[in-house]
Amino acid sequence: MAPLVVLPTFNEVENIATVLERVRAAVPEADVLVVDDGSPDGTADLAEEVGGRLGAIEVLRRPGKAGLGSAYRTGFRWGMERGHDVLVEMDADLSHDPSDLPALLAAVDHGADLTIGSRYVPGGSIPDWSWHRRMLSRWGNRYAAGVLGLAVNDVTAGFRAYRAETLAEIDLDHVVADGYGFQIEMTYEVVRRGGRVVEVPISFTDRLRGDSKMSGRIVVEALVLVTWWALRDRVLRLRR
């Protein structure tokens, strides 16, 4: 395989060197693309410096914040144009452990079209979350999977690997969601095309340095979009 790890960043100067070093140690064969949305803290500069030392790390600078979904779509296109056959997405804040990357890639190598690093399968965990945050996430996942008919436990997970052939079948220009909604929409698109989804257990930890980019608006957007997709597709099925 020729994997590409896509790392969207905005103000991750405290984490970027560590995550790049750990990715390189976990998957020496992988290339890395840092998609930086104009971080004023110098994240892109430090990523380029680390890339010069470690090799096979590119930095794509964008002029300003355009959203997580947009960063991944840009990274996926970049990787497919350069012949990468597996595209990995993960956070740059060390909430996703790079040591789990070999397991995600192995599942694709064994036939998965999408591998999800899952918190909600046996062996998965979220050790630092409060019970109410855990409950909100669990029921949000169950709602999204239920209304969309997805046999997936963790549809909002952001640590995943796609087979490039599967991504090529999806019109990324029409994938509009951001944040949690982007992860759900991409899972839905893979399943609708008959793709095979495999979940591997991970331990998800909250960031230790820097500020979270997630907001209540992104959660609400995801719930609204999920409901709309379910209603839209049921109406289309009835018309047929």
Foldseek 3Di string as FASTA:
>chain_A
DAEEEEEEDAPQLVQQLVVVVQLCVQCVRYAYEYEYACHPVCNQVVQVVSCVVSDRYYYHYHPHDDFALVSQLVVLVVCVVVPHFKYWYDYRQCLFRSNCVVVQVVVVVVPAQKEFADQPDPPHHAVPDDPVVVVVQQVLQVVLCVLLVHPDRHQQGGTMMGGSVLVVVDPSVPQDAHHSLSSNVVSSSSVVVVGHYHYDHDYGYDGPDDDDPDDPVNSVVNVVVSVVVSVVVVVVVVVD
